[in-house]
């Protein structure tokens, strides 16, 4: 996406909402905020944001939280994309917002730089997930857990569901389909230390946690991660998590 990305923030905790806005406002144009279902829907319809950062548990409406906001906002702002930002990593919560049409799901432990990068990726049309959720999402789609069989076509949309499934199951260039088969030679391009870093990052460790685990500096971790992504031809940590999950090496 070219030009300034217009972002709205939905969360019922005012202080957290203010913190998110403070974090992203130098990188994006913040066009709205809200703390409950009804006001969120009205705000989205009025401000027409490119991306909405929203919690999955938002009061009001018919009790559907973030999923209800997405479903009811689509007719009002059809071009808007949604990225869930929640403290919850519950499979039920993840599944609900993905079925509703969210383009990704990150937890509130995310760093500021990763949040900003995630918003940009969603705005550019990519699906984004916290590394700790990526393996679950792949497995759930693989077994039909997000099939939406109990949801109406108006709630899910066959085309949208299929598009999400294809992206999240790794039909993108960087995550080839191999039905989970793992060829050990695939990581021979990585040094032993890079392999250690790769596995920890794919499991959802932060750079600081990797540094502490391996007794190296954060800067060294960053250098290793850059080398891993380059050698494996991946773009970010989310793609690395999906790559590793498919090969069952984490």
C-alpha atoms as a PDB file:
ATOM      1  CA  UNK A   1       0.000   0.000   0.000  1.00  0.00           C
ATOM      2  CA  UNK A   2       1.338   3.400  -0.950  1.00  0.00           C
ATOM      3  CA  UNK A   3       0.795   6.580   1.052  1.00  0.00           C
ATOM      4  CA  UNK A   4      -0.067   6.896   4.702  1.00  0.00           C
ATOM      5  CA  UNK A   5      -1.890   3.920   6.204  1.00  0.00           C
ATOM      6  CA  UNK A   6      -5.037   4.968   8.056  1.00  0.00           C
ATOM      7  CA  UNK A   7      -5.488   2.994  11.267  1.00  0.00           C
ATOM      8  CA  UNK A   8      -8.231   2.742  13.892  1.00  0.00           C
ATOM      9  CA  UNK A   9      -7.851   1.181  17.339  1.00  0.00           C
ATOM     10  CA  UNK A  10     -10.590  -0.734  19.173  1.00  0.00           C
ATOM     11  CA  UNK A  11     -10.080  -1.786  22.794  1.00  0.00           C
ATOM     12  CA  UNK A  12     -12.236  -1.328  25.868  1.00  0.00           C
ATOM     13  CA  UNK A  13      -9.260  -0.468  28.091  1.00  0.00           C
ATOM     14  CA  UNK A  14      -8.703   3.244  27.605  1.00  0.00           C
ATOM     15  CA  UNK A  15      -5.124   3.269  28.902  1.00  0.00           C
ATOM     16  CA  UNK A  16      -4.078   0.389  26.656  1.00  0.00           C
ATOM     17  CA  UNK A  17      -5.784   2.036  23.693  1.00  0.00           C
ATOM     18  CA  UNK A  18      -3.913   5.261  24.382  1.00  0.00           C
ATOM     19  CA  UNK A  19      -0.651   3.324  24.594  1.00  0.00           C
ATOM     20  CA  UNK A  20      -1.212   1.655  21.225  1.00  0.00           C
ATOM     21  CA  UNK A  21      -2.053   4.969  19.612  1.00  0.00           C
ATOM     22  CA  UNK A  22       1.071   6.546  21.097  1.00  0.00           C
ATOM     23  CA  UNK A  23       3.127   3.648  19.737  1.00  0.00           C
ATOM     24  CA  UNK A  24       1.870   3.805  16.150  1.00  0.00           C
ATOM     25  CA  UNK A  25       0.967   7.445  15.584  1.00  0.00           C
ATOM     26  CA  UNK A  26       4.374   8.411  14.180  1.00  0.00           C
ATOM     27  CA  UNK A  27       4.126   5.677  11.556  1.00  0.00           C
ATOM     28  CA  UNK A  28       0.438   5.766  10.647  1.00  0.00           C
ATOM     29  CA  UNK A  29      -2.480   8.163  10.508  1.00  0.00           C
ATOM     30  CA  UNK A  30      -4.724   7.242  13.438  1.00  0.00           C
ATOM     31  CA  UNK A  31      -8.242   8.067  12.268  1.00  0.00           C
ATOM     32  CA  UNK A  32     -10.393   6.711  15.082  1.00  0.00           C
ATOM     33  CA  UNK A  33     -10.721   4.784  18.315  1.00  0.00           C
ATOM     34  CA  UNK A  34     -13.521   3.134  20.248  1.00  0.00           C
ATOM     35  CA  UNK A  35     -14.144   0.930  23.259  1.00  0.00           C
ATOM     36  CA  UNK A  36     -17.374  -0.986  22.613  1.00  0.00           C
ATOM     37  CA  UNK A  37     -19.117  -2.768  19.771  1.00  0.00           C
ATOM     38  CA  UNK A  38     -21.653  -0.142  18.751  1.00  0.00           C
ATOM     39  CA  UNK A  39     -19.311   2.851  18.851  1.00  0.00           C
ATOM     40  CA  UNK A  40     -16.641   0.847  17.017  1.00  0.00           C
ATOM     41  CA  UNK A  41     -18.986   0.033  14.158  1.00  0.00           C
ATOM     42  CA  UNK A  42     -20.077   3.664  13.895  1.00  0.00           C
ATOM     43  CA  UNK A  43     -16.464   4.852  14.005  1.00  0.00           C
ATOM     44  CA  UNK A  44     -15.342   2.441  11.299  1.00  0.00           C
ATOM     45  CA  UNK A  45     -18.237   3.426   9.043  1.00  0.00           C
ATOM     46  CA  UNK A  46     -17.433   7.099   9.491  1.00  0.00           C
ATOM     47  CA  UNK A  47     -13.617   7.037   9.332  1.00  0.00           C
ATOM     48  CA  UNK A  48     -13.156   4.281   6.704  1.00  0.00           C
ATOM     49  CA  UNK A  49      -9.753   3.103   8.017  1.00  0.00           C
ATOM     50  CA  UNK A  50      -7.370   0.949   6.013  1.00  0.00           C
ATOM     51  CA  UNK A  51      -6.611  -1.263   9.021  1.00  0.00           C
ATOM     52  CA  UNK A  52      -8.391  -1.741  12.345  1.00  0.00           C
ATOM     53  CA  UNK A  53      -6.468  -3.040  15.337  1.00  0.00           C
ATOM     54  CA  UNK A  54      -9.082  -4.638  17.548  1.00  0.00           C
ATOM     55  CA  UNK A  55      -9.366  -6.707  20.683  1.00  0.00           C
ATOM     56  CA  UNK A  56     -11.467  -9.860  20.498  1.00  0.00           C
ATOM     57  CA  UNK A  57     -13.280  -9.149  23.774  1.00  0.00           C
ATOM     58  CA  UNK A  58     -15.160  -5.874  23.406  1.00  0.00           C
ATOM     59  CA  UNK A  59     -18.367  -5.144  25.345  1.00  0.00           C
ATOM     60  CA  UNK A  60     -21.724  -4.194  23.871  1.00  0.00           C
ATOM     61  CA  UNK A  61     -23.680  -5.208  20.832  1.00  0.00           C
ATOM     62  CA  UNK A  62     -24.959  -8.773  20.835  1.00  0.00           C
ATOM     63  CA  UNK A  63     -21.946 -10.096  22.751  1.00  0.00           C
ATOM     64  CA  UNK A  64     -19.871 -11.044  19.727  1.00  0.00           C
ATOM     65  CA  UNK A  65     -16.950  -8.750  20.524  1.00  0.00           C
ATOM     66  CA  UNK A  66     -14.347  -8.275  17.807  1.00  0.00           C
ATOM     67  CA  UNK A  67     -15.991 -10.793  15.491  1.00  0.00           C
ATOM     68  CA  UNK A  68     -19.286  -8.938  15.644  1.00  0.00           C
ATOM     69  CA  UNK A  69     -17.537  -5.659  14.903  1.00  0.00           C
ATOM     70  CA  UNK A  70     -15.932  -7.100  11.775  1.00  0.00           C
ATOM     71  CA  UNK A  71     -19.105  -8.718  10.454  1.00  0.00           C
ATOM     72  CA  UNK A  72     -21.279  -5.670  10.999  1.00  0.00           C
ATOM     73  CA  UNK A  73     -18.673  -3.222   9.669  1.00  0.00           C
ATOM     74  CA  UNK A  74     -18.052  -4.931   6.328  1.00  0.00           C
ATOM     75  CA  UNK A  75     -21.094  -3.357   4.605  1.00  0.00           C
ATOM     76  CA  UNK A  76     -20.135   0.070   5.992  1.00  0.00           C
ATOM     77  CA  UNK A  77     -16.434  -0.043   5.067  1.00  0.00           C
ATOM     78  CA  UNK A  78     -15.794  -2.969   2.716  1.00  0.00           C
ATOM     79  CA  UNK A  79     -12.154  -2.107   2.024  1.00  0.00           C
ATOM     80  CA  UNK A  80     -11.122  -2.099   5.695  1.00  0.00           C
ATOM     81  CA  UNK A  81      -8.800  -4.877   6.900  1.00  0.00           C
ATOM     82  CA  UNK A  82      -8.648  -6.186  10.471  1.00  0.00           C
ATOM     83  CA  UNK A  83      -5.782  -7.285  12.702  1.00  0.00           C
ATOM     84  CA  UNK A  84      -6.735  -8.763  16.070  1.00  0.00           C
ATOM     85  CA  UNK A  85      -4.590  -7.536  18.984  1.00  0.00           C
ATOM     86  CA  UNK A  86      -5.506  -9.420  22.115  1.00  0.00           C
ATOM     87  CA  UNK A  87      -4.173 -10.766  25.384  1.00  0.00           C
ATOM     88  CA  UNK A  88      -5.955 -14.034  24.589  1.00  0.00           C
ATOM     89  CA  UNK A  89      -4.301 -16.869  22.676  1.00  0.00           C
ATOM     90  CA  UNK A  90      -7.377 -19.101  22.970  1.00  0.00           C
ATOM     91  CA  UNK A  91      -8.067 -21.235  19.859  1.00  0.00           C
ATOM     92  CA  UNK A  92     -11.745 -20.269  20.124  1.00  0.00           C
ATOM     93  CA  UNK A  93     -10.925 -16.555  20.042  1.00  0.00           C
ATOM     94  CA  UNK A  94      -8.477 -16.934  17.168  1.00  0.00           C
ATOM     95  CA  UNK A  95     -10.905 -19.040  15.161  1.00  0.00           C
ATOM     96  CA  UNK A  96     -13.814 -16.670  15.706  1.00  0.00           C
ATOM     97  CA  UNK A  97     -12.119 -13.544  14.356  1.00  0.00           C
ATOM     98  CA  UNK A  98     -10.489 -15.394  11.456  1.00  0.00           C
ATOM     99  CA  UNK A  99     -13.873 -16.799  10.401  1.00  0.00           C
ATOM    100  CA  UNK A 100     -15.270 -13.275  10.623  1.00  0.00           C
ATOM    101  CA  UNK A 101     -12.600 -12.055   8.221  1.00  0.00           C
ATOM    102  CA  UNK A 102      -9.603 -10.809  10.223  1.00  0.00           C
ATOM    103  CA  UNK A 103      -6.340 -10.857   8.301  1.00  0.00           C
ATOM    104  CA  UNK A 104      -4.259 -11.793  11.320  1.00  0.00           C
ATOM    105  CA  UNK A 105      -3.962 -12.206  15.060  1.00  0.00           C
ATOM    106  CA  UNK A 106      -1.178 -10.987  17.347  1.00  0.00           C
ATOM    107  CA  UNK A 107      -1.011 -11.015  21.119  1.00  0.00           C
ATOM    108  CA  UNK A 108      -0.423  -8.027  23.361  1.00  0.00           C
ATOM    109  CA  UNK A 109       3.070  -9.263  24.206  1.00  0.00           C
ATOM    110  CA  UNK A 110       4.141  -8.084  20.747  1.00  0.00           C
ATOM    111  CA  UNK A 111       6.903  -5.491  20.582  1.00  0.00           C
ATOM    112  CA  UNK A 112       6.239  -2.009  19.224  1.00  0.00           C
ATOM    113  CA  UNK A 113       8.380  -2.594  16.133  1.00  0.00           C
ATOM    114  CA  UNK A 114       6.686  -5.916  15.378  1.00  0.00           C
ATOM    115  CA  UNK A 115       3.233  -4.361  15.798  1.00  0.00           C
ATOM    116  CA  UNK A 116       4.075  -1.603  13.339  1.00  0.00           C
ATOM    117  CA  UNK A 117       5.468  -4.164  10.892  1.00  0.00           C
ATOM    118  CA  UNK A 118       2.348  -6.327  11.309  1.00  0.00           C
ATOM    119  CA  UNK A 119       0.045  -3.417  10.471  1.00  0.00           C
ATOM    120  CA  UNK A 120       2.067  -2.704   7.341  1.00  0.00           C
ATOM    121  CA  UNK A 121       1.918  -6.352   6.279  1.00  0.00           C
ATOM    122  CA  UNK A 122      -1.847  -6.514   6.738  1.00  0.00           C
ATOM    123  CA  UNK A 123      -2.263  -3.282   4.782  1.00  0.00           C
ATOM    124  CA  UNK A 124      -0.185  -4.856   1.987  1.00  0.00           C
ATOM    125  CA  UNK A 125      -2.489  -7.870   1.854  1.00  0.00           C
ATOM    126  CA  UNK A 126      -0.601 -10.441   3.900  1.00  0.00           C
ATOM    127  CA  UNK A 127      -1.873 -12.643   6.716  1.00  0.00           C
ATOM    128  CA  UNK A 128       0.004 -12.051   9.976  1.00  0.00           C
ATOM    129  CA  UNK A 129       0.134 -14.143  13.151  1.00  0.00           C
ATOM    130  CA  UNK A 130       2.172 -14.164  16.323  1.00  0.00           C
ATOM    131  CA  UNK A 131       4.780 -16.930  16.024  1.00  0.00           C
ATOM    132  CA  UNK A 132       3.242 -18.877  18.911  1.00  0.00           C
ATOM    133  CA  UNK A 133      -0.103 -18.972  17.067  1.00  0.00           C
ATOM    134  CA  UNK A 134       1.133 -19.780  13.578  1.00  0.00           C
ATOM    135  CA  UNK A 135       1.477 -23.529  14.102  1.00  0.00           C
ATOM    136  CA  UNK A 136      -1.968 -23.747  15.686  1.00  0.00           C
ATOM    137  CA  UNK A 137      -3.573 -21.810  12.832  1.00  0.00           C
ATOM    138  CA  UNK A 138      -1.984 -24.056  10.225  1.00  0.00           C
ATOM    139  CA  UNK A 139      -3.076 -27.209  12.025  1.00  0.00           C
ATOM    140  CA  UNK A 140      -6.600 -25.896  12.598  1.00  0.00           C
ATOM    141  CA  UNK A 141      -7.123 -25.075   8.937  1.00  0.00           C
ATOM    142  CA  UNK A 142      -5.573 -28.373   7.908  1.00  0.00           C
ATOM    143  CA  UNK A 143      -8.194 -30.212   9.987  1.00  0.00           C
ATOM    144  CA  UNK A 144     -11.092 -27.949   9.017  1.00  0.00           C
ATOM    145  CA  UNK A 145     -11.457 -26.323  12.425  1.00  0.00           C
ATOM    146  CA  UNK A 146     -12.056 -22.945  10.802  1.00  0.00           C
ATOM    147  CA  UNK A 147     -14.341 -24.258   8.091  1.00  0.00           C
ATOM    148  CA  UNK A 148     -17.245 -22.147   9.284  1.00  0.00           C
ATOM    149  CA  UNK A 149     -19.725 -24.985   8.819  1.00  0.00           C
ATOM    150  CA  UNK A 150     -22.005 -23.598  11.528  1.00  0.00           C
ATOM    151  CA  UNK A 151     -21.787 -20.020  10.273  1.00  0.00           C
ATOM    152  CA  UNK A 152     -24.011 -18.533   7.616  1.00  0.00           C
ATOM    153  CA  UNK A 153     -22.643 -17.435   4.229  1.00  0.00           C
ATOM    154  CA  UNK A 154     -23.345 -13.852   5.278  1.00  0.00           C
ATOM    155  CA  UNK A 155     -21.007 -14.256   8.245  1.00  0.00           C
ATOM    156  CA  UNK A 156     -18.095 -15.901   6.508  1.00  0.00           C
ATOM    157  CA  UNK A 157     -18.248 -15.763   2.725  1.00  0.00           C
ATOM    158  CA  UNK A 158     -16.936 -18.761   0.846  1.00  0.00           C
ATOM    159  CA  UNK A 159     -14.436 -16.776  -1.202  1.00  0.00           C
ATOM    160  CA  UNK A 160     -13.006 -14.975   1.824  1.00  0.00           C
ATOM    161  CA  UNK A 161     -12.737 -18.214   3.799  1.00  0.00           C
ATOM    162  CA  UNK A 162     -10.954 -19.955   0.939  1.00  0.00           C
ATOM    163  CA  UNK A 163      -8.549 -17.043   0.523  1.00  0.00           C
ATOM    164  CA  UNK A 164      -7.653 -17.082   4.217  1.00  0.00           C
ATOM    165  CA  UNK A 165      -7.192 -20.841   4.173  1.00  0.00           C
ATOM    166  CA  UNK A 166      -4.884 -20.746   1.170  1.00  0.00           C
ATOM    167  CA  UNK A 167      -2.719 -18.045   2.715  1.00  0.00           C
ATOM    168  CA  UNK A 168      -2.551 -19.601   6.155  1.00  0.00           C
ATOM    169  CA  UNK A 169      -1.894 -23.103   4.846  1.00  0.00           C
ATOM    170  CA  UNK A 170       1.230 -21.831   3.155  1.00  0.00           C
ATOM    171  CA  UNK A 171       0.227 -21.448  -0.474  1.00  0.00           C
ATOM    172  CA  UNK A 172       2.426 -18.356  -0.594  1.00  0.00           C
ATOM    173  CA  UNK A 173       5.823 -18.537  -2.266  1.00  0.00           C
ATOM    174  CA  UNK A 174       7.750 -18.685   0.984  1.00  0.00           C
ATOM    175  CA  UNK A 175       5.947 -21.677   2.551  1.00  0.00           C
ATOM    176  CA  UNK A 176       5.826 -24.575   0.066  1.00  0.00           C
ATOM    177  CA  UNK A 177       3.285 -27.344   0.481  1.00  0.00           C
ATOM    178  CA  UNK A 178       4.966 -30.580   1.527  1.00  0.00           C
ATOM    179  CA  UNK A 179       2.364 -32.131   3.824  1.00  0.00           C
ATOM    180  CA  UNK A 180       4.662 -31.712   6.802  1.00  0.00           C
ATOM    181  CA  UNK A 181       7.518 -33.741   5.361  1.00  0.00           C
ATOM    182  CA  UNK A 182      10.887 -32.617   6.604  1.00  0.00           C
ATOM    183  CA  UNK A 183      14.097 -32.966   4.645  1.00  0.00           C
ATOM    184  CA  UNK A 184      16.992 -32.338   7.086  1.00  0.00           C
ATOM    185  CA  UNK A 185      19.109 -30.969   4.241  1.00  0.00           C
ATOM    186  CA  UNK A 186      16.810 -27.940   4.062  1.00  0.00           C
ATOM    187  CA  UNK A 187      18.525 -26.349   7.038  1.00  0.00           C
ATOM    188  CA  UNK A 188      22.053 -27.366   6.043  1.00  0.00           C
ATOM    189  CA  UNK A 189      22.434 -23.834   4.690  1.00  0.00           C
ATOM    190  CA  UNK A 190      22.297 -22.603   8.296  1.00  0.00           C
ATOM    191  CA  UNK A 191      25.208 -22.731  10.690  1.00  0.00           C
ATOM    192  CA  UNK A 192      24.680 -24.658  13.960  1.00  0.00           C
ATOM    193  CA  UNK A 193      24.188 -21.385  15.852  1.00  0.00           C
ATOM    194  CA  UNK A 194      21.734 -20.104  13.220  1.00  0.00           C
ATOM    195  CA  UNK A 195      19.775 -23.338  13.583  1.00  0.00           C
ATOM    196  CA  UNK A 196      19.550 -22.817  17.344  1.00  0.00           C
ATOM    197  CA  UNK A 197      18.338 -19.252  16.860  1.00  0.00           C
ATOM    198  CA  UNK A 198      15.893 -20.337  14.137  1.00  0.00           C
ATOM    199  CA  UNK A 199      14.230 -22.919  16.385  1.00  0.00           C
ATOM    200  CA  UNK A 200      13.832 -20.508  19.304  1.00  0.00           C
ATOM    201  CA  UNK A 201      12.474 -17.691  17.145  1.00  0.00           C
ATOM    202  CA  UNK A 202      10.056 -20.118  15.462  1.00  0.00           C
ATOM    203  CA  UNK A 203       8.802 -21.141  18.921  1.00  0.00           C
ATOM    204  CA  UNK A 204       7.892 -17.531  19.641  1.00  0.00           C
ATOM    205  CA  UNK A 205      10.884 -16.432  21.730  1.00  0.00           C
ATOM    206  CA  UNK A 206      11.664 -12.713  21.680  1.00  0.00           C
ATOM    207  CA  UNK A 207      15.150 -11.540  20.683  1.00  0.00           C
ATOM    208  CA  UNK A 208      15.874 -10.826  24.351  1.00  0.00           C
ATOM    209  CA  UNK A 209      14.744 -14.314  25.379  1.00  0.00           C
ATOM    210  CA  UNK A 210      16.883 -15.923  22.671  1.00  0.00           C
ATOM    211  CA  UNK A 211      19.881 -13.893  23.806  1.00  0.00           C
ATOM    212  CA  UNK A 212      19.407 -15.033  27.403  1.00  0.00           C
ATOM    213  CA  UNK A 213      18.911 -18.668  26.383  1.00  0.00           C
ATOM    214  CA  UNK A 214      22.048 -18.791  24.232  1.00  0.00           C
ATOM    215  CA  UNK A 215      24.195 -16.373  26.275  1.00  0.00           C
ATOM    216  CA  UNK A 216      24.718 -13.986  23.378  1.00  0.00           C
ATOM    217  CA  UNK A 217      23.829 -10.339  22.809  1.00  0.00           C
ATOM    218  CA  UNK A 218      20.527  -9.154  21.356  1.00  0.00           C
ATOM    219  CA  UNK A 219      22.475  -7.572  18.498  1.00  0.00           C
ATOM    220  CA  UNK A 220      24.008 -10.952  17.698  1.00  0.00           C
ATOM    221  CA  UNK A 221      20.533 -12.512  17.720  1.00  0.00           C
ATOM    222  CA  UNK A 222      19.327  -9.875  15.260  1.00  0.00           C
ATOM    223  CA  UNK A 223      22.281 -10.643  12.985  1.00  0.00           C
ATOM    224  CA  UNK A 224      21.565 -14.383  13.101  1.00  0.00           C
ATOM    225  CA  UNK A 225      17.840 -13.872  12.414  1.00  0.00           C
ATOM    226  CA  UNK A 226      18.619 -11.710   9.384  1.00  0.00           C
ATOM    227  CA  UNK A 227      20.935 -14.425   8.072  1.00  0.00           C
ATOM    228  CA  UNK A 228      18.338 -17.161   8.697  1.00  0.00           C
ATOM    229  CA  UNK A 229      15.588 -15.267   6.869  1.00  0.00           C
ATOM    230  CA  UNK A 230      17.903 -14.495   3.962  1.00  0.00           C
ATOM    231  CA  UNK A 231      19.166 -18.076   3.597  1.00  0.00           C
ATOM    232  CA  UNK A 232      15.677 -19.601   3.866  1.00  0.00           C
ATOM    233  CA  UNK A 233      14.218 -16.927   1.561  1.00  0.00           C
ATOM    234  CA  UNK A 234      11.645 -15.812   4.130  1.00  0.00           C
ATOM    235  CA  UNK A 235      10.490 -12.295   4.870  1.00  0.00           C
ATOM    236  CA  UNK A 236       9.678 -12.206   8.579  1.00  0.00           C
ATOM    237  CA  UNK A 237       9.332 -14.164  11.827  1.00  0.00           C
ATOM    238  CA  UNK A 238       5.746 -15.145  11.058  1.00  0.00           C
ATOM    239  CA  UNK A 239       6.795 -16.827   7.821  1.00  0.00           C
ATOM    240  CA  UNK A 240       9.637 -18.535   9.682  1.00  0.00           C
ATOM    241  CA  UNK A 241       7.188 -19.916  12.260  1.00  0.00           C
ATOM    242  CA  UNK A 242       4.942 -21.295   9.520  1.00  0.00           C
ATOM    243  CA  UNK A 243       7.939 -22.723   7.653  1.00  0.00           C
ATOM    244  CA  UNK A 244       9.168 -24.502  10.789  1.00  0.00           C
ATOM    245  CA  UNK A 245       5.681 -25.671  11.811  1.00  0.00           C
ATOM    246  CA  UNK A 246       5.138 -27.350   8.449  1.00  0.00           C
ATOM    247  CA  UNK A 247       8.409 -29.186   8.821  1.00  0.00           C
ATOM    248  CA  UNK A 248       7.690 -30.066  12.444  1.00  0.00           C
ATOM    249  CA  UNK A 249      11.124 -28.987  13.570  1.00  0.00           C
ATOM    250  CA  UNK A 250      10.067 -26.817  16.534  1.00  0.00           C
END
